[in-house]
Amino acid sequence: MMRRVFGITGWKNSGKTTLTEKLVAELVRRGWKVSTVKHAHHDFDIDKPGADSFRHRQAGATEVAIVSDRRWALMHELRSEDEPTLEAILSRLGTSDIVLVEGYKREAHSKIETRRLETKDRAPLSAHDPHIIAIAADFAIADESVPVFDLDDTKSMADFIERATGLTR
């Protein structure tokens, strides 16, 4: 199955999560079914100590599914396994019109790079990544070979993503 995948990448504190959230809301408002994948570089947990599912994982379960009439979640403990590839994660997702991927700056999918004035001293990722096809920034940027959007211009970026991924009705 061919998936439409588009990424939001950038250095820490460059506005990736806020932009991803706004793009999800805009694309959903336009009638698209959107999924997301968020890459974390640290030991994160979506579970709480003492919860039944936490206790199952602590006891050694590799996968724990939590299911209710409103949502379900599947947690997979890697234990001694390698981190799964983005492709492996995408293959586990249900159907959607588009998957927005936050992070995964080294993967080979089309991406928007986020930049903020307070992280301006970080080296631009676009200089070394041909998959960055646009930039979203909260300051003026000159001499770029890709389109540059204002970080708050969600509608124009959503238009761009629709065109770039072939998302049409």
C-alpha atoms as a PDB file:
ATOM      1  CA  MET A   1       0.000   0.000   0.000  1.00  0.00           C
ATOM      2  CA  MET A   2       1.394   3.394  -1.014  1.00  0.00           C
ATOM      3  CA  ARG A   3       1.323   5.878   1.828  1.00  0.00           C
ATOM      4  CA  ARG A   4       1.449   9.632   1.574  1.00  0.00           C
ATOM      5  CA  VAL A   5       4.126  10.615   4.081  1.00  0.00           C
ATOM      6  CA  PHE A   6       5.324  14.136   4.790  1.00  0.00           C
ATOM      7  CA  GLY A   7       7.735  15.205   7.498  1.00  0.00           C
ATOM      8  CA  ILE A   8       8.291  18.109   9.838  1.00  0.00           C
ATOM      9  CA  THR A   9      11.909  18.223  10.926  1.00  0.00           C
ATOM     10  CA  GLY A  10      14.283  20.612  12.652  1.00  0.00           C
ATOM     11  CA  TRP A  11      16.491  21.053  15.641  1.00  0.00           C
ATOM     12  CA  LYS A  12      15.169  20.805  19.212  1.00  0.00           C
ATOM     13  CA  ASN A  13      12.902  23.741  20.156  1.00  0.00           C
ATOM     14  CA  SER A  14      12.502  24.849  16.537  1.00  0.00           C
ATOM     15  CA  GLY A  15       8.696  24.544  16.542  1.00  0.00           C
ATOM     16  CA  LYS A  16       8.200  21.033  15.121  1.00  0.00           C
ATOM     17  CA  THR A  17       5.476  19.896  17.511  1.00  0.00           C
ATOM     18  CA  THR A  18       3.460  23.111  17.323  1.00  0.00           C
ATOM     19  CA  LEU A  19       3.616  23.104  13.526  1.00  0.00           C
ATOM     20  CA  THR A  20       2.687  19.408  13.362  1.00  0.00           C
ATOM     21  CA  GLU A  21      -0.302  20.040  15.643  1.00  0.00           C
ATOM     22  CA  LYS A  22      -1.483  22.980  13.505  1.00  0.00           C
ATOM     23  CA  LEU A  23      -1.028  21.050  10.252  1.00  0.00           C
ATOM     24  CA  VAL A  24      -2.985  18.067  11.612  1.00  0.00           C
ATOM     25  CA  ALA A  25      -5.849  20.376  12.615  1.00  0.00           C
ATOM     26  CA  GLU A  26      -5.838  22.154   9.224  1.00  0.00           C
ATOM     27  CA  LEU A  27      -5.697  18.955   7.157  1.00  0.00           C
ATOM     28  CA  VAL A  28      -8.457  17.358   9.275  1.00  0.00           C
ATOM     29  CA  ARG A  29     -10.527  20.547   8.858  1.00  0.00           C
ATOM     30  CA  ARG A  30     -10.146  20.038   5.094  1.00  0.00           C
ATOM     31  CA  GLY A  31     -11.610  16.532   5.417  1.00  0.00           C
ATOM     32  CA  TRP A  32      -8.444  14.399   5.367  1.00  0.00           C
ATOM     33  CA  LYS A  33      -7.822  11.457   7.670  1.00  0.00           C
ATOM     34  CA  VAL A  34      -4.412  12.163   9.212  1.00  0.00           C
ATOM     35  CA  SER A  35      -2.069   9.921  11.195  1.00  0.00           C
ATOM     36  CA  THR A  36       1.160  11.013  12.854  1.00  0.00           C
ATOM     37  CA  VAL A  37       4.446   9.441  13.877  1.00  0.00           C
ATOM     38  CA  LYS A  38       6.592  11.258  16.445  1.00  0.00           C
ATOM     39  CA  HIS A  39      10.232  10.300  16.914  1.00  0.00           C
ATOM     40  CA  ALA A  40      11.632  10.701  20.427  1.00  0.00           C
ATOM     41  CA  HIS A  41      15.347  10.684  21.182  1.00  0.00           C
ATOM     42  CA  HIS A  42      15.005   9.823  24.840  1.00  0.00           C
ATOM     43  CA  ASP A  43      13.488   7.261  27.165  1.00  0.00           C
ATOM     44  CA  PHE A  44       9.806   8.151  27.060  1.00  0.00           C
ATOM     45  CA  ASP A  45       6.801   6.423  28.570  1.00  0.00           C
ATOM     46  CA  ILE A  46       3.112   6.850  27.880  1.00  0.00           C
ATOM     47  CA  ASP A  47       2.220   4.646  30.822  1.00  0.00           C
ATOM     48  CA  LYS A  48       2.015   5.385  34.549  1.00  0.00           C
ATOM     49  CA  PRO A  49       3.764   3.388  37.292  1.00  0.00           C
ATOM     50  CA  GLY A  50       1.198   1.258  39.071  1.00  0.00           C
ATOM     51  CA  ALA A  51      -1.226   1.046  36.123  1.00  0.00           C
ATOM     52  CA  ASP A  52      -2.144  -2.484  35.077  1.00  0.00           C
ATOM     53  CA  SER A  53      -0.470  -2.081  31.678  1.00  0.00           C
ATOM     54  CA  PHE A  54       2.686  -0.728  33.318  1.00  0.00           C
ATOM     55  CA  ARG A  55       2.734  -3.747  35.621  1.00  0.00           C
ATOM     56  CA  HIS A  56       2.364  -6.080  32.610  1.00  0.00           C
ATOM     57  CA  ARG A  57       5.426  -4.480  30.944  1.00  0.00           C
ATOM     58  CA  GLN A  58       7.403  -4.518  34.187  1.00  0.00           C
ATOM     59  CA  ALA A  59       6.649  -8.222  34.462  1.00  0.00           C
ATOM     60  CA  GLY A  60       8.289  -8.729  31.051  1.00  0.00           C
ATOM     61  CA  ALA A  61       5.559  -8.495  28.402  1.00  0.00           C
ATOM     62  CA  THR A  62       6.972  -7.389  25.050  1.00  0.00           C
ATOM     63  CA  GLU A  63       3.680  -5.940  23.802  1.00  0.00           C
ATOM     64  CA  VAL A  64       0.782  -4.620  25.826  1.00  0.00           C
ATOM     65  CA  ALA A  65      -2.471  -3.484  24.211  1.00  0.00           C
ATOM     66  CA  ILE A  66      -4.828  -1.261  26.167  1.00  0.00           C
ATOM     67  CA  VAL A  67      -8.312  -1.196  24.714  1.00  0.00           C
ATOM     68  CA  SER A  68     -11.516   0.652  25.598  1.00  0.00           C
ATOM     69  CA  ASP A  69     -14.638   1.719  23.734  1.00  0.00           C
ATOM     70  CA  ARG A  70     -12.978   5.098  22.974  1.00  0.00           C
ATOM     71  CA  ARG A  71      -9.370   4.286  21.983  1.00  0.00           C
ATOM     72  CA  TRP A  72      -6.699   1.664  21.987  1.00  0.00           C
ATOM     73  CA  ALA A  73      -2.940   1.790  22.326  1.00  0.00           C
ATOM     74  CA  LEU A  74      -0.223  -0.744  21.699  1.00  0.00           C
ATOM     75  CA  MET A  75       3.054  -0.427  23.570  1.00  0.00           C
ATOM     76  CA  HIS A  76       6.031  -2.452  22.468  1.00  0.00           C
ATOM     77  CA  GLU A  77       9.068  -2.822  24.710  1.00  0.00           C
ATOM     78  CA  LEU A  78      12.186  -3.125  22.592  1.00  0.00           C
ATOM     79  CA  ARG A  79      14.116  -4.918  25.326  1.00  0.00           C
ATOM     80  CA  SER A  80      17.260  -5.881  23.368  1.00  0.00           C
ATOM     81  CA  GLU A  81      15.818  -5.176  19.894  1.00  0.00           C
ATOM     82  CA  ASP A  82      17.000  -2.291  17.700  1.00  0.00           C
ATOM     83  CA  GLU A  83      14.786   0.745  17.256  1.00  0.00           C
ATOM     84  CA  PRO A  84      12.368  -0.030  14.417  1.00  0.00           C
ATOM     85  CA  THR A  85      12.737   1.815  11.136  1.00  0.00           C
ATOM     86  CA  LEU A  86      10.235   4.446  10.124  1.00  0.00           C
ATOM     87  CA  GLU A  87       9.068   2.070   7.377  1.00  0.00           C
ATOM     88  CA  ALA A  88       8.360  -0.626   9.982  1.00  0.00           C
ATOM     89  CA  ILE A  89       6.298   1.809  12.051  1.00  0.00           C
ATOM     90  CA  LEU A  90       4.404   3.065   8.993  1.00  0.00           C
ATOM     91  CA  SER A  91       3.522  -0.528   8.095  1.00  0.00           C
ATOM     92  CA  ARG A  92       1.784  -0.916  11.474  1.00  0.00           C
ATOM     93  CA  LEU A  93      -0.474   2.110  11.081  1.00  0.00           C
ATOM     94  CA  GLY A  94      -4.081   1.854   9.989  1.00  0.00           C
ATOM     95  CA  THR A  95      -5.338   3.556   6.851  1.00  0.00           C
ATOM     96  CA  SER A  96      -5.230   7.325   6.500  1.00  0.00           C
ATOM     97  CA  ASP A  97      -4.978   9.871   3.713  1.00  0.00           C
ATOM     98  CA  ILE A  98      -1.617  11.158   4.926  1.00  0.00           C
ATOM     99  CA  VAL A  99       0.914  10.479   7.668  1.00  0.00           C
ATOM    100  CA  LEU A 100       2.741  13.470   9.128  1.00  0.00           C
ATOM    101  CA  VAL A 101       6.093  12.449  10.576  1.00  0.00           C
ATOM    102  CA  GLU A 102       7.673  14.636  13.249  1.00  0.00           C
ATOM    103  CA  GLY A 103      11.408  14.211  13.592  1.00  0.00           C
ATOM    104  CA  TYR A 104      13.232  11.452  11.722  1.00  0.00           C
ATOM    105  CA  LYS A 105      15.527  14.065  10.210  1.00  0.00           C
ATOM    106  CA  ARG A 106      17.740  11.463   8.535  1.00  0.00           C
ATOM    107  CA  GLU A 107      14.959   9.606   6.708  1.00  0.00           C
ATOM    108  CA  ALA A 108      14.354   9.978   2.958  1.00  0.00           C
ATOM    109  CA  HIS A 109      10.827  11.408   2.819  1.00  0.00           C
ATOM    110  CA  SER A 110       9.819  14.947   1.833  1.00  0.00           C
ATOM    111  CA  LYS A 111      10.029  17.357   4.755  1.00  0.00           C
ATOM    112  CA  ILE A 112       9.566  20.931   5.917  1.00  0.00           C
ATOM    113  CA  GLU A 113      12.391  22.194   8.133  1.00  0.00           C
ATOM    114  CA  THR A 114      11.323  24.368  11.064  1.00  0.00           C
ATOM    115  CA  ARG A 115      13.524  27.206  12.245  1.00  0.00           C
ATOM    116  CA  ARG A 116      13.094  29.707  15.062  1.00  0.00           C
ATOM    117  CA  LEU A 117      15.028  32.825  15.868  1.00  0.00           C
ATOM    118  CA  GLU A 118      16.194  31.354  19.197  1.00  0.00           C
ATOM    119  CA  THR A 119      17.676  28.324  17.396  1.00  0.00           C
ATOM    120  CA  LYS A 120      19.058  30.388  14.490  1.00  0.00           C
ATOM    121  CA  ASP A 121      22.661  29.560  15.446  1.00  0.00           C
ATOM    122  CA  ARG A 122      22.094  25.858  14.586  1.00  0.00           C
ATOM    123  CA  ALA A 123      23.295  24.773  11.148  1.00  0.00           C
ATOM    124  CA  PRO A 124      20.431  24.599   8.619  1.00  0.00           C
ATOM    125  CA  LEU A 125      19.480  21.010   7.869  1.00  0.00           C
ATOM    126  CA  SER A 126      18.411  21.853   4.307  1.00  0.00           C
ATOM    127  CA  ALA A 127      22.021  22.376   3.227  1.00  0.00           C
ATOM    128  CA  HIS A 128      22.685  18.644   3.552  1.00  0.00           C
ATOM    129  CA  ASP A 129      19.249  17.078   3.029  1.00  0.00           C
ATOM    130  CA  PRO A 130      17.764  17.033  -0.473  1.00  0.00           C
ATOM    131  CA  HIS A 131      14.477  15.753   1.006  1.00  0.00           C
ATOM    132  CA  ILE A 132      13.836  19.100   2.727  1.00  0.00           C
ATOM    133  CA  ILE A 133      11.616  20.750   0.147  1.00  0.00           C
ATOM    134  CA  ALA A 134      10.480  23.776   2.187  1.00  0.00           C
ATOM    135  CA  ILE A 135      11.342  25.803   5.267  1.00  0.00           C
ATOM    136  CA  ALA A 136       9.042  27.279   7.913  1.00  0.00           C
ATOM    137  CA  ALA A 137      10.616  30.023  10.023  1.00  0.00           C
ATOM    138  CA  ASP A 138       9.675  32.844  12.387  1.00  0.00           C
ATOM    139  CA  PHE A 139      12.333  35.136  10.889  1.00  0.00           C
ATOM    140  CA  ALA A 140      13.252  36.253   7.383  1.00  0.00           C
ATOM    141  CA  ILE A 141      15.424  33.869   5.398  1.00  0.00           C
ATOM    142  CA  ALA A 142      17.160  34.766   2.144  1.00  0.00           C
ATOM    143  CA  ASP A 143      19.144  32.748  -0.390  1.00  0.00           C
ATOM    144  CA  GLU A 144      17.211  29.488  -0.090  1.00  0.00           C
ATOM    145  CA  SER A 145      16.553  27.236  -3.060  1.00  0.00           C
ATOM    146  CA  VAL A 146      13.283  25.932  -1.558  1.00  0.00           C
ATOM    147  CA  PRO A 147      10.066  27.766  -0.624  1.00  0.00           C
ATOM    148  CA  VAL A 148      10.142  29.574   2.735  1.00  0.00           C
ATOM    149  CA  PHE A 149       6.939  29.927   4.763  1.00  0.00           C
ATOM    150  CA  ASP A 150       6.164  31.958   7.846  1.00  0.00           C
ATOM    151  CA  LEU A 151       6.036  29.462  10.729  1.00  0.00           C
ATOM    152  CA  ASP A 152       2.444  30.563  11.443  1.00  0.00           C
ATOM    153  CA  ASP A 153       1.186  30.311   7.833  1.00  0.00           C
ATOM    154  CA  THR A 154      -0.388  26.898   8.347  1.00  0.00           C
ATOM    155  CA  LYS A 155      -2.897  27.215   5.477  1.00  0.00           C
ATOM    156  CA  SER A 156      -0.187  27.868   2.852  1.00  0.00           C
ATOM    157  CA  MET A 157       1.914  24.988   4.190  1.00  0.00           C
ATOM    158  CA  ALA A 158      -1.118  22.662   4.109  1.00  0.00           C
ATOM    159  CA  ASP A 159      -1.715  23.716   0.471  1.00  0.00           C
ATOM    160  CA  PHE A 160       1.958  22.975  -0.258  1.00  0.00           C
ATOM    161  CA  ILE A 161       1.787  19.553   1.428  1.00  0.00           C
ATOM    162  CA  GLU A 162      -1.369  18.649  -0.498  1.00  0.00           C
ATOM    163  CA  ARG A 163       0.366  19.523  -3.783  1.00  0.00           C
ATOM    164  CA  ALA A 164       3.664  17.823  -2.827  1.00  0.00           C
ATOM    165  CA  THR A 165       1.956  14.545  -1.839  1.00  0.00           C
ATOM    166  CA  GLY A 166      -0.718  14.512  -4.529  1.00  0.00           C
ATOM    167  CA  LEU A 167      -3.461  14.741  -1.911  1.00  0.00           C
ATOM    168  CA  THR A 168      -6.521  15.596  -4.028  1.00  0.00           C
ATOM    169  CA  ARG A 169     -10.188  14.717  -4.100  1.00  0.00           C
END
